[in-house]
Every structure is written in structure tokens, then in C-alpha cells.
């Protein structure tokens, strides 16, 4: 029983509970226009590659997921060329 409790407490320490809400002023308007309405944007950040990521809270894990537009192209600033533009 004590081992199970210790395991639960150890694993719960791995999950970050404090996050910073997205500052809409820090994200270009062109980015907001490309993000699908179904994307949860409470926690959004721009990665070193220039693309935007959001925090998805699943039943088993919390992971950063790339924001993709309606055509499944990553949303980046500056925008990346689309595959048909190459």
C-alpha cells in the first residue's frame, strides 16, 4: 500500500499544474486567423522553429502538440511554404 501511494505521489509530481495563459497580444493576428476554432488556445507558445504549439491535456498525459491549420499545415511565423508552393 505504501509503495503504491509513493508511486502515485512520484508520478503526480511529473505533471505540471501551473501554466501561463496565452497573451493574445504576443501572437500575430495572421496566426490567430489560421488556427482552427477547435484548437484549445489557453496555453499556446511559439517554439524555436517559429511554429506554434498548444498544450493538450489527455486522460493519461499532457503533451505539447503543433498547431495546424484546416489543411493540416503547421502554423508558423513567418509562415512556411505550403507543399504545393514548392
N, C-alpha and C. Protein backbone atom coordinates (compact mmCIF):
# COMPACT_ATOMS: atom_id res chain seq x y z
N UNK A 1 0.82 -1.19 0.00
CA UNK A 1 0.00 0.00 0.00
C UNK A 1 0.86 1.25 0.00
N UNK A 2 1.90 1.28 0.86
CA UNK A 2 2.77 2.44 0.92
C UNK A 2 3.53 2.63 -0.39
N UNK A 3 3.90 1.51 -1.02
CA UNK A 3 4.61 1.60 -2.30
C UNK A 3 3.71 2.20 -3.37
N UNK A 4 2.45 1.81 -3.39
CA UNK A 4 1.50 2.34 -4.37
C UNK A 4 1.29 3.83 -4.15
N UNK A 5 1.16 4.24 -2.91
CA UNK A 5 0.98 5.66 -2.60
C UNK A 5 2.21 6.46 -3.02
N UNK A 6 3.38 5.90 -2.76
CA UNK A 6 4.62 6.57 -3.17
C UNK A 6 4.72 6.71 -4.67
N UNK A 7 4.28 5.68 -5.39
CA UNK A 7 4.29 5.73 -6.86
C UNK A 7 3.35 6.80 -7.38
N UNK A 8 2.15 6.88 -6.82
CA UNK A 8 1.18 7.90 -7.23
C UNK A 8 1.73 9.30 -6.97
N UNK A 9 2.31 9.51 -5.82
CA UNK A 9 2.85 10.83 -5.50
C UNK A 9 4.03 11.18 -6.41
N UNK A 10 4.86 10.21 -6.72
CA UNK A 10 6.00 10.45 -7.61
C UNK A 10 5.52 10.80 -9.00
N UNK A 11 4.57 10.05 -9.53
CA UNK A 11 4.07 10.32 -10.88
C UNK A 11 3.31 11.64 -10.95
N UNK A 12 2.60 12.00 -9.91
CA UNK A 12 1.86 13.25 -9.93
C UNK A 12 2.80 14.45 -9.93
N UNK A 13 4.00 14.27 -9.42
CA UNK A 13 4.98 15.36 -9.42
C UNK A 13 5.49 15.64 -10.83
N UNK A 14 5.33 14.68 -11.74
CA UNK A 14 5.80 14.85 -13.12
C UNK A 14 4.89 15.74 -13.95
N UNK A 15 3.67 15.91 -13.52
CA UNK A 15 2.70 16.69 -14.28
C UNK A 15 2.71 18.13 -13.79
N UNK A 16 3.00 19.07 -14.69
CA UNK A 16 2.98 20.47 -14.32
C UNK A 16 1.56 20.97 -14.21
N UNK A 17 1.24 21.64 -13.14
CA UNK A 17 -0.12 22.12 -12.96
C UNK A 17 -0.22 23.63 -13.15
N UNK A 18 0.91 24.32 -13.10
CA UNK A 18 0.83 25.77 -13.27
C UNK A 18 1.28 26.13 -14.68
N UNK A 19 0.39 26.75 -15.42
CA UNK A 19 0.70 27.19 -16.77
C UNK A 19 0.30 28.65 -16.91
N UNK A 20 0.90 29.30 -17.86
CA UNK A 20 0.61 30.70 -18.10
C UNK A 20 -0.37 30.83 -19.25
N UNK A 21 -1.50 31.49 -19.07
CA UNK A 21 -2.43 31.66 -20.18
C UNK A 21 -1.77 32.42 -21.32
N UNK A 22 -2.23 32.15 -22.52
CA UNK A 22 -1.69 32.79 -23.71
C UNK A 22 -2.01 34.28 -23.73
N UNK A 23 -1.00 35.07 -24.01
CA UNK A 23 -1.19 36.51 -24.19
C UNK A 23 -1.49 36.75 -25.67
N UNK A 24 -2.74 37.03 -25.99
CA UNK A 24 -3.14 37.21 -27.40
C UNK A 24 -2.36 38.32 -28.08
N UNK A 25 -1.92 39.32 -27.34
CA UNK A 25 -1.17 40.42 -27.94
C UNK A 25 0.20 39.98 -28.42
N UNK A 26 0.72 38.88 -27.87
CA UNK A 26 2.05 38.40 -28.23
C UNK A 26 2.03 37.53 -29.49
N UNK A 27 0.83 37.19 -29.97
CA UNK A 27 0.70 36.32 -31.15
C UNK A 27 0.16 37.16 -32.30
N UNK A 28 0.82 37.12 -33.48
CA UNK A 28 0.35 37.91 -34.62
C UNK A 28 -1.08 37.55 -35.02
N UNK A 29 -1.83 38.55 -35.47
CA UNK A 29 -3.23 38.34 -35.87
C UNK A 29 -3.33 37.32 -37.00
N UNK A 30 -2.36 37.30 -37.90
CA UNK A 30 -2.38 36.33 -39.01
C UNK A 30 -2.33 34.90 -38.49
N UNK A 31 -1.69 34.69 -37.36
CA UNK A 31 -1.64 33.35 -36.76
C UNK A 31 -3.02 32.99 -36.23
N UNK A 32 -3.67 33.90 -35.51
CA UNK A 32 -5.00 33.62 -34.96
C UNK A 32 -5.98 33.30 -36.07
N UNK A 33 -5.83 33.95 -37.23
CA UNK A 33 -6.75 33.72 -38.34
C UNK A 33 -6.63 32.31 -38.92
N UNK A 34 -5.46 31.68 -38.78
CA UNK A 34 -5.22 30.35 -39.36
C UNK A 34 -5.52 29.20 -38.40
N UNK A 35 -5.71 29.50 -37.14
CA UNK A 35 -5.91 28.45 -36.13
C UNK A 35 -7.37 28.00 -36.14
N UNK A 36 -7.61 26.67 -36.28
CA UNK A 36 -9.00 26.18 -36.25
C UNK A 36 -9.66 26.48 -34.90
N UNK A 37 -10.96 26.70 -34.94
CA UNK A 37 -11.71 27.05 -33.73
C UNK A 37 -11.68 25.93 -32.69
N UNK A 38 -11.45 24.69 -33.11
CA UNK A 38 -11.47 23.57 -32.18
C UNK A 38 -10.16 23.43 -31.38
N UNK A 39 -9.15 24.23 -31.70
CA UNK A 39 -7.87 24.14 -31.01
C UNK A 39 -7.95 24.86 -29.67
N UNK A 40 -7.62 24.16 -28.56
CA UNK A 40 -7.63 24.83 -27.26
C UNK A 40 -6.43 25.77 -27.16
N UNK A 41 -6.69 27.04 -26.97
CA UNK A 41 -5.61 28.03 -27.03
C UNK A 41 -5.29 28.68 -25.70
N UNK A 42 -5.69 28.04 -24.61
CA UNK A 42 -5.39 28.63 -23.31
C UNK A 42 -3.89 28.66 -23.07
N UNK A 43 -3.18 27.65 -23.58
CA UNK A 43 -1.74 27.55 -23.39
C UNK A 43 -1.08 27.36 -24.75
N UNK A 44 -0.60 28.44 -25.31
CA UNK A 44 -0.03 28.45 -26.65
C UNK A 44 1.34 29.09 -26.58
N UNK A 45 2.31 28.51 -27.28
CA UNK A 45 3.63 29.12 -27.31
C UNK A 45 4.24 28.93 -28.68
N UNK A 46 5.22 29.80 -28.97
CA UNK A 46 5.95 29.70 -30.23
C UNK A 46 7.29 29.03 -29.94
N UNK A 47 7.55 27.95 -30.66
CA UNK A 47 8.78 27.20 -30.46
C UNK A 47 9.96 27.87 -31.16
N UNK A 48 11.16 27.35 -30.93
CA UNK A 48 12.36 27.92 -31.56
C UNK A 48 12.35 27.79 -33.08
N UNK A 49 11.51 26.89 -33.61
CA UNK A 49 11.41 26.73 -35.06
C UNK A 49 10.46 27.75 -35.68
N UNK A 50 9.83 28.61 -34.87
CA UNK A 50 8.90 29.61 -35.36
C UNK A 50 7.46 29.13 -35.42
N UNK A 51 7.24 27.84 -35.18
CA UNK A 51 5.88 27.28 -35.24
C UNK A 51 5.23 27.32 -33.85
N UNK A 52 3.90 27.34 -33.85
CA UNK A 52 3.15 27.44 -32.60
C UNK A 52 2.71 26.06 -32.12
N UNK A 53 2.68 25.90 -30.79
CA UNK A 53 2.33 24.66 -30.13
C UNK A 53 1.30 24.96 -29.05
N UNK A 54 0.40 24.00 -28.79
CA UNK A 54 -0.55 24.16 -27.68
C UNK A 54 -0.44 22.96 -26.75
N UNK A 55 -0.84 23.16 -25.52
CA UNK A 55 -0.76 22.11 -24.51
C UNK A 55 -2.08 21.34 -24.49
N UNK A 56 -1.98 20.04 -24.81
CA UNK A 56 -3.17 19.18 -24.83
C UNK A 56 -3.17 18.31 -23.57
N UNK A 57 -4.25 18.40 -22.82
CA UNK A 57 -4.41 17.61 -21.60
C UNK A 57 -5.23 16.37 -21.93
N UNK A 58 -4.56 15.23 -22.03
CA UNK A 58 -5.24 13.97 -22.32
C UNK A 58 -5.55 13.22 -21.04
N UNK A 59 -6.20 12.07 -21.17
CA UNK A 59 -6.55 11.29 -19.98
C UNK A 59 -5.33 10.67 -19.28
N UNK A 60 -4.25 10.43 -20.03
CA UNK A 60 -3.08 9.80 -19.45
C UNK A 60 -1.85 10.70 -19.41
N UNK A 61 -1.80 11.69 -20.29
CA UNK A 61 -0.61 12.52 -20.35
C UNK A 61 -0.95 13.92 -20.85
N UNK A 62 -0.06 14.84 -20.57
CA UNK A 62 -0.18 16.20 -21.06
C UNK A 62 1.01 16.44 -21.98
N UNK A 63 0.74 16.81 -23.23
CA UNK A 63 1.81 16.95 -24.22
C UNK A 63 1.63 18.23 -25.03
N UNK A 64 2.75 18.74 -25.54
CA UNK A 64 2.71 19.87 -26.47
C UNK A 64 2.46 19.33 -27.87
N UNK A 65 1.50 19.92 -28.58
CA UNK A 65 1.08 19.47 -29.91
C UNK A 65 1.20 20.66 -30.86
N UNK A 66 1.69 20.43 -32.09
CA UNK A 66 1.79 21.55 -33.04
C UNK A 66 0.39 22.04 -33.45
N UNK A 67 0.26 23.35 -33.55
CA UNK A 67 -0.98 23.94 -34.05
C UNK A 67 -0.96 23.80 -35.57
N UNK A 68 -2.04 23.27 -36.13
CA UNK A 68 -2.14 23.07 -37.58
C UNK A 68 -3.40 23.76 -38.09
N UNK A 69 -3.30 24.30 -39.30
CA UNK A 69 -4.46 24.97 -39.88
C UNK A 69 -5.44 23.93 -40.43
N UNK A 70 -6.48 24.38 -41.10
CA UNK A 70 -7.51 23.49 -41.63
C UNK A 70 -7.00 22.52 -42.67
N UNK A 71 -5.84 22.79 -43.26
CA UNK A 71 -5.25 21.90 -44.26
C UNK A 71 -4.12 21.07 -43.66
N UNK A 72 -4.01 21.03 -42.34
CA UNK A 72 -3.01 20.29 -41.56
C UNK A 72 -1.58 20.80 -41.77
N UNK A 73 -1.44 22.05 -42.17
CA UNK A 73 -0.13 22.67 -42.30
C UNK A 73 0.21 23.33 -40.96
N UNK A 74 1.44 23.14 -40.43
CA UNK A 74 1.80 23.81 -39.17
C UNK A 74 1.67 25.33 -39.27
N UNK A 75 1.17 25.93 -38.20
CA UNK A 75 1.01 27.38 -38.14
C UNK A 75 2.31 27.97 -37.59
N UNK A 76 3.01 28.74 -38.42
CA UNK A 76 4.31 29.29 -38.05
C UNK A 76 4.35 30.79 -38.37
N UNK A 77 5.27 31.48 -37.74
CA UNK A 77 5.50 32.89 -38.02
C UNK A 77 7.01 33.11 -38.07
N UNK A 78 7.59 33.36 -39.23
CA UNK A 78 6.94 33.57 -40.52
C UNK A 78 6.36 32.28 -41.08
N UNK A 79 5.33 32.40 -41.93
CA UNK A 79 4.69 31.21 -42.49
C UNK A 79 5.68 30.38 -43.30
N UNK A 80 5.49 29.09 -43.25
CA UNK A 80 6.30 28.18 -44.05
C UNK A 80 5.64 27.99 -45.41
N UNK A 81 6.44 27.69 -46.45
CA UNK A 81 5.81 27.44 -47.75
C UNK A 81 4.93 26.18 -47.70
N UNK A 82 3.82 26.25 -48.38
CA UNK A 82 2.93 25.09 -48.45
C UNK A 82 3.54 24.08 -49.43
N UNK A 83 3.24 22.78 -49.25
CA UNK A 83 3.84 21.77 -50.13
C UNK A 83 3.57 22.01 -51.60
N UNK A 84 2.40 22.57 -51.95
CA UNK A 84 2.09 22.82 -53.36
C UNK A 84 2.79 24.07 -53.89
N UNK A 85 3.41 24.88 -53.02
CA UNK A 85 4.12 26.08 -53.44
C UNK A 85 5.58 25.79 -53.78
N UNK A 86 6.05 24.62 -53.43
CA UNK A 86 7.47 24.30 -53.61
C UNK A 86 7.77 23.94 -55.04
